[in-house]
């Protein structure tokens, strides 16, 4: 049974990779949809951490210079960090979402 699961997971990633290559649609979108046929969405999302990280680093290395990207998105990155850090302090998801939303709005106006 374990080999069937492994074969299923491998074939899902191959198919998701082919769909991404042909249509440009994200690999996680297709892979999670197919993996949830046999497992919980939490397990499916956990399986995608490593492949998503590898493809993101690959695109970062193959793309344009890192410093101009950092300069362009520095306020957005700061807003995400502030919103994430404020979530437990505010105690409510609505408040942390509001703080992050205001920070992102500020990024849109200033950036």
N, C-alpha and C. Protein backbone atom coordinates (compact mmCIF):
# COMPACT_ATOMS: atom_id res chain seq x y z
N UNK A 1 0.81 -1.20 0.00
CA UNK A 1 0.00 0.00 0.00
C UNK A 1 0.86 1.26 0.00
N UNK A 2 1.97 1.23 0.73
CA UNK A 2 2.84 2.41 0.79
C UNK A 2 3.46 2.71 -0.57
N UNK A 3 3.77 1.66 -1.35
CA UNK A 3 4.35 1.90 -2.67
C UNK A 3 3.32 2.52 -3.61
N UNK A 4 2.04 2.17 -3.43
CA UNK A 4 1.00 2.79 -4.25
C UNK A 4 0.85 4.27 -3.92
N UNK A 5 0.96 4.62 -2.64
CA UNK A 5 0.91 6.02 -2.25
C UNK A 5 2.09 6.79 -2.82
N UNK A 6 3.27 6.18 -2.75
CA UNK A 6 4.46 6.83 -3.28
C UNK A 6 4.33 7.03 -4.79
N UNK A 7 3.83 6.02 -5.47
CA UNK A 7 3.62 6.13 -6.92
C UNK A 7 2.59 7.20 -7.24
N UNK A 8 1.52 7.27 -6.46
CA UNK A 8 0.49 8.29 -6.66
C UNK A 8 1.07 9.69 -6.46
N UNK A 9 1.82 9.87 -5.38
CA UNK A 9 2.41 11.19 -5.09
C UNK A 9 3.38 11.59 -6.18
N UNK A 10 4.22 10.66 -6.61
CA UNK A 10 5.19 10.96 -7.67
C UNK A 10 4.47 11.33 -8.97
N UNK A 11 3.43 10.59 -9.31
CA UNK A 11 2.71 10.89 -10.55
C UNK A 11 1.98 12.23 -10.46
N UNK A 12 1.49 12.57 -9.28
CA UNK A 12 0.85 13.88 -9.10
C UNK A 12 1.85 15.00 -9.34
N UNK A 13 3.06 14.87 -8.80
CA UNK A 13 4.07 15.91 -8.99
C UNK A 13 4.53 15.99 -10.44
N UNK A 14 4.62 14.86 -11.12
CA UNK A 14 4.99 14.88 -12.54
C UNK A 14 3.89 15.59 -13.33
N UNK A 15 2.65 15.22 -13.10
CA UNK A 15 1.54 15.86 -13.81
C UNK A 15 1.46 17.35 -13.49
N UNK A 16 1.62 17.71 -12.23
CA UNK A 16 1.58 19.13 -11.85
C UNK A 16 2.73 19.90 -12.50
N UNK A 17 3.89 19.28 -12.59
CA UNK A 17 5.02 19.92 -13.26
C UNK A 17 4.76 20.11 -14.75
N UNK A 18 4.14 19.12 -15.38
CA UNK A 18 3.79 19.26 -16.79
C UNK A 18 2.77 20.37 -17.01
N UNK A 19 1.77 20.44 -16.14
CA UNK A 19 0.76 21.50 -16.26
C UNK A 19 1.41 22.87 -16.07
N UNK A 20 2.32 22.98 -15.12
CA UNK A 20 3.01 24.25 -14.90
C UNK A 20 3.85 24.63 -16.11
N UNK A 21 4.52 23.64 -16.69
CA UNK A 21 5.34 23.93 -17.86
C UNK A 21 4.53 24.33 -19.08
N UNK A 22 3.37 23.73 -19.25
CA UNK A 22 2.55 24.01 -20.43
C UNK A 22 1.72 25.28 -20.27
N UNK A 23 1.07 25.43 -19.12
CA UNK A 23 0.14 26.55 -18.94
C UNK A 23 0.71 27.69 -18.11
N UNK A 24 1.75 27.42 -17.34
CA UNK A 24 2.28 28.43 -16.44
C UNK A 24 1.55 28.51 -15.13
N UNK A 25 0.52 27.69 -14.96
CA UNK A 25 -0.24 27.65 -13.70
C UNK A 25 0.65 27.07 -12.61
N UNK A 26 0.52 27.57 -11.40
CA UNK A 26 1.39 27.17 -10.31
C UNK A 26 1.32 25.69 -9.98
N UNK A 27 2.47 25.11 -9.71
CA UNK A 27 2.56 23.70 -9.32
C UNK A 27 1.76 23.41 -8.06
N UNK A 28 1.81 24.24 -7.02
CA UNK A 28 1.03 23.93 -5.81
C UNK A 28 -0.47 23.88 -6.06
N UNK A 29 -0.97 24.69 -6.95
CA UNK A 29 -2.40 24.71 -7.23
C UNK A 29 -2.88 23.36 -7.73
N UNK A 30 -2.17 22.82 -8.69
CA UNK A 30 -2.56 21.54 -9.27
C UNK A 30 -2.25 20.39 -8.31
N UNK A 31 -1.09 20.43 -7.68
CA UNK A 31 -0.67 19.32 -6.82
C UNK A 31 -1.59 19.18 -5.61
N UNK A 32 -1.95 20.27 -4.95
CA UNK A 32 -2.83 20.18 -3.78
C UNK A 32 -4.20 19.65 -4.19
N UNK A 33 -4.70 20.11 -5.31
CA UNK A 33 -6.01 19.65 -5.77
C UNK A 33 -6.01 18.14 -6.00
N UNK A 34 -4.96 17.61 -6.57
CA UNK A 34 -4.90 16.18 -6.84
C UNK A 34 -4.55 15.37 -5.60
N UNK A 35 -3.64 15.88 -4.78
CA UNK A 35 -3.23 15.15 -3.58
C UNK A 35 -4.38 15.00 -2.58
N UNK A 36 -5.29 15.96 -2.56
CA UNK A 36 -6.40 15.87 -1.60
C UNK A 36 -7.40 14.77 -1.98
N UNK A 37 -7.20 14.14 -3.12
CA UNK A 37 -8.02 12.98 -3.44
C UNK A 37 -7.70 11.80 -2.53
N UNK A 38 -6.48 11.76 -2.00
CA UNK A 38 -6.05 10.63 -1.17
C UNK A 38 -5.62 11.01 0.24
N UNK A 39 -5.48 12.29 0.53
CA UNK A 39 -5.01 12.69 1.86
C UNK A 39 -5.66 14.01 2.26
N UNK A 40 -5.45 14.40 3.50
CA UNK A 40 -6.03 15.65 3.98
C UNK A 40 -5.30 16.84 3.34
N UNK A 41 -5.97 17.99 3.24
CA UNK A 41 -5.31 19.17 2.69
C UNK A 41 -4.06 19.58 3.47
N UNK A 42 -4.07 19.35 4.79
CA UNK A 42 -2.90 19.68 5.60
C UNK A 42 -1.69 18.84 5.19
N UNK A 43 -1.90 17.55 4.99
CA UNK A 43 -0.81 16.68 4.55
C UNK A 43 -0.34 17.05 3.14
N UNK A 44 -1.29 17.38 2.29
CA UNK A 44 -0.93 17.76 0.92
C UNK A 44 -0.09 19.04 0.91
N UNK A 45 -0.48 20.01 1.72
CA UNK A 45 0.28 21.26 1.80
C UNK A 45 1.67 21.01 2.38
N UNK A 46 1.77 20.10 3.34
CA UNK A 46 3.08 19.80 3.93
C UNK A 46 4.01 19.17 2.91
N UNK A 47 3.47 18.38 2.00
CA UNK A 47 4.30 17.77 0.96
C UNK A 47 4.86 18.79 -0.02
N UNK A 48 4.24 19.95 -0.10
CA UNK A 48 4.65 20.95 -1.08
C UNK A 48 5.69 21.93 -0.57
N UNK A 49 6.06 21.86 0.69
CA UNK A 49 7.00 22.83 1.24
C UNK A 49 8.35 22.76 0.52
N UNK A 50 8.91 21.58 0.40
CA UNK A 50 10.24 21.45 -0.21
C UNK A 50 10.23 21.78 -1.70
N UNK A 51 9.31 21.20 -2.51
CA UNK A 51 9.33 21.56 -3.94
C UNK A 51 9.08 23.05 -4.19
N UNK A 52 8.19 23.65 -3.43
CA UNK A 52 7.92 25.08 -3.61
C UNK A 52 9.14 25.91 -3.24
N UNK A 53 9.81 25.55 -2.16
CA UNK A 53 11.01 26.28 -1.75
C UNK A 53 12.11 26.16 -2.80
N UNK A 54 12.29 24.96 -3.32
CA UNK A 54 13.34 24.74 -4.33
C UNK A 54 13.05 25.56 -5.58
N UNK A 55 11.81 25.54 -6.06
CA UNK A 55 11.50 26.30 -7.28
C UNK A 55 11.60 27.80 -7.04
N UNK A 56 11.25 28.27 -5.86
CA UNK A 56 11.37 29.70 -5.57
C UNK A 56 12.83 30.14 -5.54
N UNK A 57 13.69 29.35 -4.92
CA UNK A 57 15.12 29.68 -4.89
C UNK A 57 15.71 29.61 -6.29
N UNK A 58 15.30 28.62 -7.07
CA UNK A 58 15.77 28.48 -8.45
C UNK A 58 15.39 29.73 -9.27
N UNK A 59 14.15 30.18 -9.15
CA UNK A 59 13.72 31.36 -9.88
C UNK A 59 14.45 32.61 -9.40
N UNK A 60 14.73 32.68 -8.12
CA UNK A 60 15.47 33.82 -7.59
C UNK A 60 16.89 33.85 -8.15
N UNK A 61 17.53 32.67 -8.23
CA UNK A 61 18.90 32.60 -8.75
C UNK A 61 18.94 32.87 -10.25
N UNK A 62 17.93 32.43 -10.98
CA UNK A 62 17.93 32.59 -12.44
C UNK A 62 17.40 33.96 -12.88
N UNK A 63 16.73 34.65 -11.99
CA UNK A 63 16.11 35.92 -12.35
C UNK A 63 17.09 37.08 -12.32
N UNK A 64 16.54 38.28 -12.36
CA UNK A 64 17.39 39.47 -12.33
C UNK A 64 18.08 39.60 -10.97
N UNK A 65 18.90 40.59 -10.87
CA UNK A 65 19.70 40.79 -9.66
C UNK A 65 18.80 40.90 -8.42
N UNK A 66 19.29 40.38 -7.32
CA UNK A 66 18.51 40.34 -6.08
C UNK A 66 18.34 41.74 -5.47
N UNK A 67 19.37 42.57 -5.52
CA UNK A 67 19.29 43.87 -4.85
C UNK A 67 18.19 44.77 -5.41
N UNK A 68 18.04 44.90 -6.73
CA UNK A 68 16.91 45.72 -7.22
C UNK A 68 15.55 45.17 -6.78
N UNK A 69 15.42 43.86 -6.72
CA UNK A 69 14.16 43.29 -6.25
C UNK A 69 13.94 43.61 -4.77
N UNK A 70 15.00 43.52 -4.00
CA UNK A 70 14.88 43.84 -2.58
C UNK A 70 14.48 45.29 -2.39
N UNK A 71 15.11 46.20 -3.16
CA UNK A 71 14.75 47.62 -3.04
C UNK A 71 13.30 47.86 -3.44
N UNK A 72 12.81 47.14 -4.43
CA UNK A 72 11.45 47.33 -4.89
C UNK A 72 10.42 46.83 -3.88
N UNK A 73 10.71 45.71 -3.23
CA UNK A 73 9.73 45.08 -2.35
C UNK A 73 10.04 45.22 -0.86
N UNK A 74 10.99 46.06 -0.49
CA UNK A 74 11.38 46.14 0.92
C UNK A 74 10.24 46.59 1.83
N UNK A 75 9.42 47.53 1.39
CA UNK A 75 8.30 47.98 2.23
C UNK A 75 7.25 46.88 2.35
N UNK A 76 7.03 46.13 1.28
CA UNK A 76 6.09 45.03 1.34
C UNK A 76 6.59 43.96 2.31
N UNK A 77 7.86 43.63 2.23
CA UNK A 77 8.43 42.64 3.15
C UNK A 77 8.33 43.11 4.59
N UNK A 78 8.58 44.39 4.82
CA UNK A 78 8.45 44.94 6.17
C UNK A 78 7.00 44.87 6.65
N UNK A 79 6.04 45.17 5.76
CA UNK A 79 4.63 45.12 6.14
C UNK A 79 4.21 43.70 6.49
N UNK A 80 4.69 42.73 5.75
CA UNK A 80 4.36 41.33 6.05
C UNK A 80 4.93 40.93 7.41
N UNK A 81 6.17 41.34 7.68
CA UNK A 81 6.79 41.02 8.97
C UNK A 81 6.04 41.68 10.13
N UNK A 82 5.65 42.93 9.96
CA UNK A 82 4.91 43.65 11.00
C UNK A 82 3.55 42.99 11.23
N UNK A 83 2.84 42.66 10.17
CA UNK A 83 1.55 42.02 10.31
C UNK A 83 1.64 40.67 10.97
N UNK A 84 2.68 39.90 10.63
CA UNK A 84 2.88 38.59 11.25
C UNK A 84 3.23 38.72 12.72
N UNK A 85 4.08 39.68 13.05
CA UNK A 85 4.49 39.86 14.44
C UNK A 85 3.34 40.40 15.29
N UNK A 86 2.47 41.20 14.72
CA UNK A 86 1.36 41.79 15.48
C UNK A 86 0.21 40.82 15.69
N UNK A 87 0.13 39.76 14.93
CA UNK A 87 -1.00 38.84 15.05
C UNK A 87 -1.17 38.30 16.46
N UNK A 88 -0.13 37.75 17.10
CA UNK A 88 -0.35 37.24 18.46
C UNK A 88 -0.55 38.35 19.48
N UNK A 89 0.02 39.51 19.25
CA UNK A 89 -0.11 40.61 20.20
C UNK A 89 -1.52 41.17 20.22
N UNK A 90 -2.16 41.18 19.08
CA UNK A 90 -3.50 41.75 19.00
C UNK A 90 -4.57 40.76 19.43
N UNK A 91 -4.26 39.48 19.36
CA UNK A 91 -5.16 38.47 19.87
C UNK A 91 -6.34 38.11 18.99
N UNK A 92 -6.55 38.81 17.93
CA UNK A 92 -7.68 38.49 17.05
C UNK A 92 -7.21 38.55 15.61
N UNK A 93 -7.67 37.60 14.83
CA UNK A 93 -7.26 37.54 13.43
C UNK A 93 -7.73 38.77 12.67
N UNK A 94 -8.89 39.30 13.02
CA UNK A 94 -9.41 40.47 12.32
C UNK A 94 -8.50 41.67 12.53
N UNK A 95 -8.01 41.84 13.75
CA UNK A 95 -7.12 42.98 14.02
C UNK A 95 -5.80 42.84 13.30
N UNK A 96 -5.24 41.64 13.33
CA UNK A 96 -3.95 41.47 12.65
C UNK A 96 -4.11 41.64 11.15
N UNK A 97 -5.26 41.19 10.61
CA UNK A 97 -5.53 41.41 9.19
C UNK A 97 -5.66 42.88 8.86
N UNK A 98 -6.29 43.63 9.76
CA UNK A 98 -6.45 45.07 9.55
C UNK A 98 -5.10 45.77 9.57
N UNK A 99 -4.23 45.39 10.51
CA UNK A 99 -2.90 46.00 10.58
C UNK A 99 -2.11 45.70 9.32
N UNK A 100 -2.14 44.45 8.89
CA UNK A 100 -1.42 44.08 7.68
C UNK A 100 -2.02 44.78 6.47
N UNK A 101 -3.34 44.88 6.43
CA UNK A 101 -3.98 45.58 5.32
C UNK A 101 -3.58 47.04 5.25
N UNK A 102 -3.51 47.70 6.39
CA UNK A 102 -3.08 49.11 6.41
C UNK A 102 -1.63 49.24 5.98
N UNK A 103 -0.79 48.30 6.43
CA UNK A 103 0.61 48.34 6.03
C UNK A 103 0.75 48.13 4.53
N UNK A 104 -0.02 47.21 3.98
CA UNK A 104 0.04 46.97 2.54
C UNK A 104 -0.52 48.15 1.76
N UNK A 105 -1.55 48.79 2.31
CA UNK A 105 -2.08 50.00 1.67
C UNK A 105 -1.02 51.10 1.65
N UNK A 106 -0.30 51.23 2.77
CA UNK A 106 0.79 52.18 2.82
C UNK A 106 1.87 51.86 1.80
N UNK A 107 2.13 50.57 1.62
CA UNK A 107 3.11 50.16 0.61
C UNK A 107 2.65 50.55 -0.78
N UNK A 108 1.36 50.37 -1.04
CA UNK A 108 0.83 50.72 -2.36
C UNK A 108 0.90 52.20 -2.64
N UNK A 109 0.68 53.02 -1.61
CA UNK A 109 0.73 54.47 -1.78
C UNK A 109 2.18 54.95 -1.88
N UNK A 110 3.04 54.41 -1.00
CA UNK A 110 4.43 54.89 -0.97
C UNK A 110 5.32 54.20 -2.01
N UNK A 111 5.01 52.95 -2.30
CA UNK A 111 5.88 52.16 -3.19
C UNK A 111 5.57 52.42 -4.61
